[in-house]
Amino acid sequence: MLSHIDIKLRKEIRKRIDERKLDIILYNGPISAFAFLNTTKKRSIPFVLCEHNVDYYFYEDKLGHNPLINI
């Protein structure tokens, strides 16, 4: 969740992605994946997440929020 509110991290990610013309982003692990996901969605870059806790991103994508965070 910290990557969701880390403004400096999100700016750095946007800057690095914009410097390179990427066709796809393959990301491994949960750390900062949320910031990458939001950035890639806005730029229409496919984002592939390789980790075991993908249910978080599934709920976020399908429901617009994650009910697991409310618990």
C-alpha atoms as a PDB file:
ATOM      1  CA  MET A   1       0.000   0.000   0.000  1.00  0.00           C
ATOM      2  CA  LEU A   2       2.915   2.370   0.546  1.00  0.00           C
ATOM      3  CA  SER A   3       3.706   2.355  -3.174  1.00  0.00           C
ATOM      4  CA  HIS A   4       0.168   3.625  -3.770  1.00  0.00           C
ATOM      5  CA  ILE A   5       0.855   6.843  -1.852  1.00  0.00           C
ATOM      6  CA  ASP A   6       4.598   7.239  -2.497  1.00  0.00           C
ATOM      7  CA  ILE A   7       4.599  10.281  -4.792  1.00  0.00           C
ATOM      8  CA  LYS A   8       8.360  10.299  -5.323  1.00  0.00           C
ATOM      9  CA  LEU A   9       8.339   6.652  -6.385  1.00  0.00           C
ATOM     10  CA  ARG A  10       5.456   7.171  -8.818  1.00  0.00           C
ATOM     11  CA  LYS A  11       7.205  10.176 -10.417  1.00  0.00           C
ATOM     12  CA  GLU A  12      10.418   8.201 -10.825  1.00  0.00           C
ATOM     13  CA  ILE A  13       8.552   5.268 -12.379  1.00  0.00           C
ATOM     14  CA  ARG A  14       6.744   7.561 -14.837  1.00  0.00           C
ATOM     15  CA  LYS A  15      10.024   9.241 -15.750  1.00  0.00           C
ATOM     16  CA  ARG A  16      11.831   5.938 -16.376  1.00  0.00           C
ATOM     17  CA  ILE A  17       8.964   4.479 -18.400  1.00  0.00           C
ATOM     18  CA  ASP A  18       8.684   7.617 -20.531  1.00  0.00           C
ATOM     19  CA  GLU A  19      12.446   7.607 -21.234  1.00  0.00           C
ATOM     20  CA  ARG A  20      12.154   4.146 -22.751  1.00  0.00           C
ATOM     21  CA  LYS A  21       9.553   3.140 -25.289  1.00  0.00           C
ATOM     22  CA  LEU A  22       8.364  -0.064 -23.632  1.00  0.00           C
ATOM     23  CA  ASP A  23       6.134  -2.663 -25.262  1.00  0.00           C
ATOM     24  CA  ILE A  24       5.418  -4.545 -22.048  1.00  0.00           C
ATOM     25  CA  ILE A  25       6.446  -4.556 -18.388  1.00  0.00           C
ATOM     26  CA  LEU A  26       7.126  -7.855 -16.679  1.00  0.00           C
ATOM     27  CA  TYR A  27       7.309  -7.323 -12.914  1.00  0.00           C
ATOM     28  CA  ASN A  28       8.222  -9.823 -10.242  1.00  0.00           C
ATOM     29  CA  GLY A  29       7.102  -9.334  -6.665  1.00  0.00           C
ATOM     30  CA  PRO A  30       4.570  -7.257  -4.764  1.00  0.00           C
ATOM     31  CA  ILE A  31       6.808  -4.335  -3.742  1.00  0.00           C
ATOM     32  CA  SER A  32       5.784  -1.204  -5.692  1.00  0.00           C
ATOM     33  CA  ALA A  33       3.732  -3.182  -8.200  1.00  0.00           C
ATOM     34  CA  PHE A  34       0.697  -0.985  -7.594  1.00  0.00           C
ATOM     35  CA  ALA A  35       2.560   2.140  -8.696  1.00  0.00           C
ATOM     36  CA  PHE A  36       3.731   0.372 -11.856  1.00  0.00           C
ATOM     37  CA  LEU A  37       0.231  -0.915 -12.572  1.00  0.00           C
ATOM     38  CA  ASN A  38      -1.353   2.530 -12.438  1.00  0.00           C
ATOM     39  CA  THR A  39       1.354   4.052 -14.609  1.00  0.00           C
ATOM     40  CA  THR A  40       1.165   1.332 -17.235  1.00  0.00           C
ATOM     41  CA  LYS A  41      -2.633   1.528 -17.416  1.00  0.00           C
ATOM     42  CA  LYS A  42      -2.487   5.240 -18.199  1.00  0.00           C
ATOM     43  CA  ARG A  43       0.045   4.604 -20.984  1.00  0.00           C
ATOM     44  CA  SER A  44      -1.682   1.457 -22.345  1.00  0.00           C
ATOM     45  CA  ILE A  45       1.391  -0.675 -21.724  1.00  0.00           C
ATOM     46  CA  PRO A  46       0.648  -4.330 -20.897  1.00  0.00           C
ATOM     47  CA  PHE A  47       1.679  -5.166 -17.334  1.00  0.00           C
ATOM     48  CA  VAL A  48       2.456  -8.752 -16.318  1.00  0.00           C
ATOM     49  CA  LEU A  49       2.771  -9.406 -12.605  1.00  0.00           C
ATOM     50  CA  CYS A  50       4.512 -12.575 -11.457  1.00  0.00           C
ATOM     51  CA  GLU A  51       3.734 -13.211  -7.818  1.00  0.00           C
ATOM     52  CA  HIS A  52       1.577 -15.402  -5.634  1.00  0.00           C
ATOM     53  CA  ASN A  53      -0.654 -12.638  -4.196  1.00  0.00           C
ATOM     54  CA  VAL A  54      -2.319 -11.477  -7.396  1.00  0.00           C
ATOM     55  CA  ASP A  55      -5.765 -11.554  -5.747  1.00  0.00           C
ATOM     56  CA  TYR A  56      -5.101  -8.020  -4.445  1.00  0.00           C
ATOM     57  CA  TYR A  57      -4.769  -6.658  -7.984  1.00  0.00           C
ATOM     58  CA  PHE A  58      -7.692  -8.770  -9.221  1.00  0.00           C
ATOM     59  CA  TYR A  59     -10.072  -7.160  -6.715  1.00  0.00           C
ATOM     60  CA  GLU A  60      -8.622  -3.713  -7.353  1.00  0.00           C
ATOM     61  CA  ASP A  61      -9.146  -4.095 -11.105  1.00  0.00           C
ATOM     62  CA  LYS A  62     -12.607  -5.689 -11.020  1.00  0.00           C
ATOM     63  CA  LEU A  63     -14.191  -3.783  -8.128  1.00  0.00           C
ATOM     64  CA  GLY A  64     -12.327  -0.482  -8.225  1.00  0.00           C
ATOM     65  CA  HIS A  65     -11.202  -1.051  -4.641  1.00  0.00           C
ATOM     66  CA  ASN A  66      -9.893  -3.924  -2.599  1.00  0.00           C
ATOM     67  CA  PRO A  67     -12.312  -5.318   0.008  1.00  0.00           C
ATOM     68  CA  LEU A  68      -9.397  -7.078   1.732  1.00  0.00           C
ATOM     69  CA  ILE A  69      -8.010  -3.691   2.784  1.00  0.00           C
ATOM     70  CA  ASN A  70     -11.275  -2.847   4.567  1.00  0.00           C
ATOM     71  CA  ILE A  71     -10.978  -5.862   6.871  1.00  0.00           C
END
